[in-house]
Amino acid sequence: MEFPAWRVIARKAAIMHELVHVFFPNGNRFLAEGLAVYLQAAIGGNPAFPNFGKPLHENTRERFEEMAPALSRGDKQGLEHIQLTELDAIATPSPLTLRVGHDVYGEEPRGQAFIYPIAGSFVQFLVETRGMDMFRALYLQTPLVPHTQNAGSPERWMDVYNVPFNDLENEWKAMIADGFPASPSREAPADRMPV
């Protein structure tokens, strides 16, 4: 791991994020980045990219309002253009890319600033509403295997959560659109690693 010296001095280096990638790699890039962002925010100890200390759900709401401007006027229909199934189909190490209408958010800094908090917010939602044990079961279904790219079967969501991915996504989007607690209602215990 390498961090720019100025970022370390400013205490804005995402050290926990990068350690998650080292100790808990995953073949699904969406889950890998989501867990890394979530744990950096929950137990990282310092504000770092991509949310710099702002609660993930709040940050995601702001990103959604930029991606689907009608949401800021109370129109939730624009959220149907944001499809997480695209992200769930991306295998590590391919970059996370999300198409929303004519806009593409990718691996460039602007795209990362939009996509990574979304991934972290979704993982936070899964952990807080369904528990760490179920998330761990899902995470273990897409191990990172050298020289292989496999983001996992869409059926694994049904296998673990007993509902299709789209149902979880819609529940999460409704929570983001309707409001949410400013801070997590419960955090993952710092003494229990998630996987």
Protein backbone atom coordinates (compact mmCIF):
# COMPACT_ATOMS: atom_id res chain seq x y z
CA MET A 1 0.00 0.00 0.00
CA GLU A 2 1.16 3.48 -0.81
CA PHE A 3 -0.49 6.73 0.23
CA PRO A 4 0.49 10.26 -0.73
CA ALA A 5 2.45 11.78 2.17
CA TRP A 6 0.18 14.84 2.30
CA ARG A 7 -2.87 12.60 2.77
CA VAL A 8 -1.24 10.70 5.65
CA ILE A 9 -0.14 13.95 7.32
CA ALA A 10 -3.66 15.35 6.96
CA ARG A 11 -5.06 12.10 8.47
CA LYS A 12 -7.20 11.53 5.36
CA ALA A 13 -5.61 8.30 4.14
CA ALA A 14 -8.10 5.46 3.75
CA ILE A 15 -5.92 2.95 5.58
CA MET A 16 -8.78 0.78 6.87
CA HIS A 17 -10.27 0.73 3.35
CA GLU A 18 -7.05 -0.61 1.86
CA LEU A 19 -6.51 -3.11 4.69
CA VAL A 20 -9.94 -4.57 3.98
CA HIS A 21 -8.84 -5.22 0.40
CA VAL A 22 -5.66 -6.91 1.64
CA PHE A 23 -7.24 -9.10 4.32
CA PHE A 24 -10.71 -9.67 2.80
CA PRO A 25 -10.38 -9.65 -1.00
CA ASN A 26 -13.45 -10.50 -3.02
CA GLY A 27 -14.21 -11.51 -6.60
CA ASN A 28 -17.19 -9.14 -6.70
CA ARG A 29 -15.90 -5.58 -7.02
CA PHE A 30 -19.16 -4.00 -5.78
CA LEU A 31 -19.05 -6.00 -2.54
CA ALA A 32 -15.29 -5.56 -2.14
CA GLU A 33 -15.48 -1.78 -2.43
CA GLY A 34 -18.72 -1.59 -0.47
CA LEU A 35 -17.24 -3.44 2.50
CA ALA A 36 -14.04 -1.38 2.36
CA VAL A 37 -15.94 1.93 2.30
CA TYR A 38 -18.35 0.78 5.02
CA LEU A 39 -15.59 -0.34 7.40
CA GLN A 40 -13.53 2.79 6.76
CA ALA A 41 -16.58 4.85 7.74
CA ALA A 42 -17.58 2.64 10.69
CA ILE A 43 -14.23 1.87 12.33
CA GLY A 44 -11.51 3.55 10.26
CA GLY A 45 -10.94 6.26 12.82
CA ASN A 46 -10.42 9.08 10.34
CA PRO A 47 -12.42 10.80 7.61
CA ALA A 48 -11.25 9.55 4.23
CA PHE A 49 -12.27 9.19 0.61
CA PRO A 50 -15.00 8.89 -0.63
CA ASN A 51 -17.23 10.37 2.07
CA PHE A 52 -14.67 12.13 4.32
CA GLY A 53 -16.65 11.49 7.50
CA LYS A 54 -20.12 12.24 6.14
CA PRO A 55 -22.59 9.43 6.93
CA LEU A 56 -22.77 7.08 3.95
CA HIS A 57 -26.56 7.18 3.57
CA GLU A 58 -26.52 11.00 3.63
CA ASN A 59 -23.70 11.08 1.10
CA THR A 60 -25.60 8.63 -1.11
CA ARG A 61 -28.77 10.74 -0.93
CA GLU A 62 -26.73 13.72 -2.19
CA ARG A 63 -25.21 11.64 -5.01
CA PHE A 64 -28.69 10.38 -5.97
CA GLU A 65 -29.98 13.96 -6.11
CA GLU A 66 -27.16 14.82 -8.53
CA MET A 67 -27.68 11.67 -10.61
CA ALA A 68 -31.50 11.92 -10.58
CA PRO A 69 -32.25 15.64 -9.94
CA ALA A 70 -36.02 15.07 -9.70
CA LEU A 71 -35.41 13.32 -6.36
CA SER A 72 -34.58 16.66 -4.73
CA ARG A 73 -38.12 17.77 -5.69
CA GLY A 74 -39.64 14.66 -4.12
CA ASP A 75 -40.00 12.67 -7.35
CA LYS A 76 -38.58 9.20 -6.67
CA GLN A 77 -39.14 7.97 -10.23
CA GLY A 78 -35.63 9.00 -11.26
CA LEU A 79 -34.16 6.35 -8.98
CA GLU A 80 -35.34 3.64 -11.39
CA HIS A 81 -32.51 4.76 -13.71
CA ILE A 82 -29.92 3.87 -11.07
CA GLN A 83 -29.50 0.11 -11.31
CA LEU A 84 -27.15 -1.62 -8.87
CA THR A 85 -27.41 -4.86 -10.83
CA GLU A 86 -24.83 -3.32 -13.17
CA LEU A 87 -22.43 -2.92 -10.26
CA ASP A 88 -23.09 -6.41 -8.89
CA ALA A 89 -22.07 -7.93 -12.22
CA ILE A 90 -18.55 -6.43 -12.13
CA ALA A 91 -15.74 -8.81 -11.22
CA THR A 92 -12.56 -7.74 -9.48
CA PRO A 93 -10.28 -6.10 -10.69
CA SER A 94 -12.49 -4.42 -13.30
CA PRO A 95 -13.44 -0.85 -12.40
CA LEU A 96 -16.89 -0.09 -11.04
CA THR A 97 -18.90 1.64 -13.74
CA LEU A 98 -22.48 2.82 -13.47
CA ARG A 99 -24.60 4.21 -16.29
CA VAL A 100 -27.41 6.58 -15.29
CA GLY A 101 -29.25 7.90 -18.33
CA HIS A 102 -26.60 9.44 -20.58
CA ASP A 103 -24.05 9.80 -17.78
CA VAL A 104 -21.40 7.20 -17.03
CA TYR A 105 -19.71 7.14 -13.66
CA GLY A 106 -16.49 5.18 -13.78
CA GLU A 107 -13.04 4.80 -12.31
CA GLU A 108 -12.12 8.47 -12.75
CA PRO A 109 -12.18 10.53 -9.49
CA ARG A 110 -15.69 11.94 -10.13
CA GLY A 111 -17.07 8.47 -10.79
CA GLN A 112 -15.41 6.97 -7.74
CA ALA A 113 -16.76 9.81 -5.59
CA PHE A 114 -20.27 8.83 -6.74
CA ILE A 115 -20.06 5.03 -6.90
CA TYR A 116 -17.99 4.17 -3.81
CA PRO A 117 -20.33 5.82 -1.25
CA ILE A 118 -23.26 4.08 -2.96
CA ALA A 119 -21.54 0.71 -2.58
CA GLY A 120 -20.66 1.49 1.05
CA SER A 121 -24.21 2.64 1.83
CA PHE A 122 -25.68 -0.52 0.34
CA VAL A 123 -23.36 -2.74 2.40
CA GLN A 124 -24.20 -0.71 5.50
CA PHE A 125 -27.89 -1.24 4.77
CA LEU A 126 -27.39 -5.00 4.38
CA VAL A 127 -25.41 -5.30 7.61
CA GLU A 128 -27.77 -3.11 9.64
CA THR A 129 -31.02 -4.62 8.36
CA ARG A 130 -30.05 -8.27 7.80
CA GLY A 131 -26.99 -8.70 10.01
CA MET A 132 -23.30 -9.35 9.53
CA ASP A 133 -23.72 -13.15 9.44
CA MET A 134 -25.89 -12.99 6.31
CA PHE A 135 -23.57 -10.47 4.67
CA ARG A 136 -20.62 -12.72 5.46
CA ALA A 137 -22.44 -15.67 3.87
CA LEU A 138 -22.98 -13.62 0.72
CA TYR A 139 -19.39 -12.31 0.69
CA LEU A 140 -17.95 -15.80 0.97
CA GLN A 141 -19.79 -16.88 -2.20
CA THR A 142 -17.50 -14.75 -4.37
CA PRO A 143 -13.94 -15.41 -3.22
CA LEU A 144 -11.12 -13.77 -5.14
CA VAL A 145 -9.45 -16.53 -7.15
CA PRO A 146 -6.16 -15.77 -8.92
CA HIS A 147 -6.37 -15.55 -12.71
CA THR A 148 -10.18 -15.79 -12.61
CA GLN A 149 -12.87 -13.14 -12.82
CA ASN A 150 -16.17 -14.14 -11.26
CA ALA A 151 -18.60 -11.59 -9.83
CA GLY A 152 -20.97 -14.35 -8.72
CA SER A 153 -24.35 -15.61 -9.74
CA PRO A 154 -27.38 -13.34 -9.28
CA GLU A 155 -29.09 -16.28 -7.55
CA ARG A 156 -26.73 -16.01 -4.58
CA TRP A 157 -28.79 -13.09 -3.25
CA MET A 158 -31.89 -15.28 -3.11
CA ASP A 159 -29.88 -18.11 -1.57
CA VAL A 160 -28.64 -15.91 1.29
CA TYR A 161 -31.40 -13.33 1.83
CA ASN A 162 -34.43 -15.27 0.53
CA VAL A 163 -35.35 -12.31 -1.69
CA PRO A 164 -34.02 -11.28 -5.09
CA PHE A 165 -31.35 -8.59 -5.34
CA ASN A 166 -33.85 -6.15 -6.89
CA ASP A 167 -36.07 -6.33 -3.79
CA LEU A 168 -33.11 -5.48 -1.53
CA GLU A 169 -32.09 -2.69 -3.88
CA ASN A 170 -35.61 -1.22 -3.93
CA GLU A 171 -35.87 -1.38 -0.13
CA TRP A 172 -32.53 0.41 0.19
CA LYS A 173 -33.47 3.06 -2.41
CA ALA A 174 -36.75 3.72 -0.57
CA MET A 175 -34.82 4.17 2.68
CA ILE A 176 -32.42 6.63 1.03
CA ALA A 177 -35.24 8.53 -0.71
CA ASP A 178 -37.56 8.65 2.33
CA GLY A 179 -34.98 9.55 4.93
CA PHE A 180 -32.86 7.59 7.34
CA PRO A 181 -31.13 8.02 10.67
CA ALA A 182 -28.29 10.53 10.45
CA SER A 183 -25.95 7.93 11.91
CA PRO A 184 -26.16 4.15 11.88
CA SER A 185 -28.63 2.74 14.39
CA ARG A 186 -26.09 0.09 15.26
CA GLU A 187 -22.52 -0.39 14.20
CA ALA A 188 -20.67 -3.58 13.50
CA PRO A 189 -18.68 -4.47 16.61
CA ALA A 190 -15.10 -3.35 16.18
CA ASP A 191 -13.83 -6.55 17.77
CA ARG A 192 -15.55 -8.80 15.19
CA MET A 193 -14.13 -8.80 11.73
CA PRO A 194 -16.89 -9.26 9.15
CA VAL A 195 -15.50 -12.17 7.18
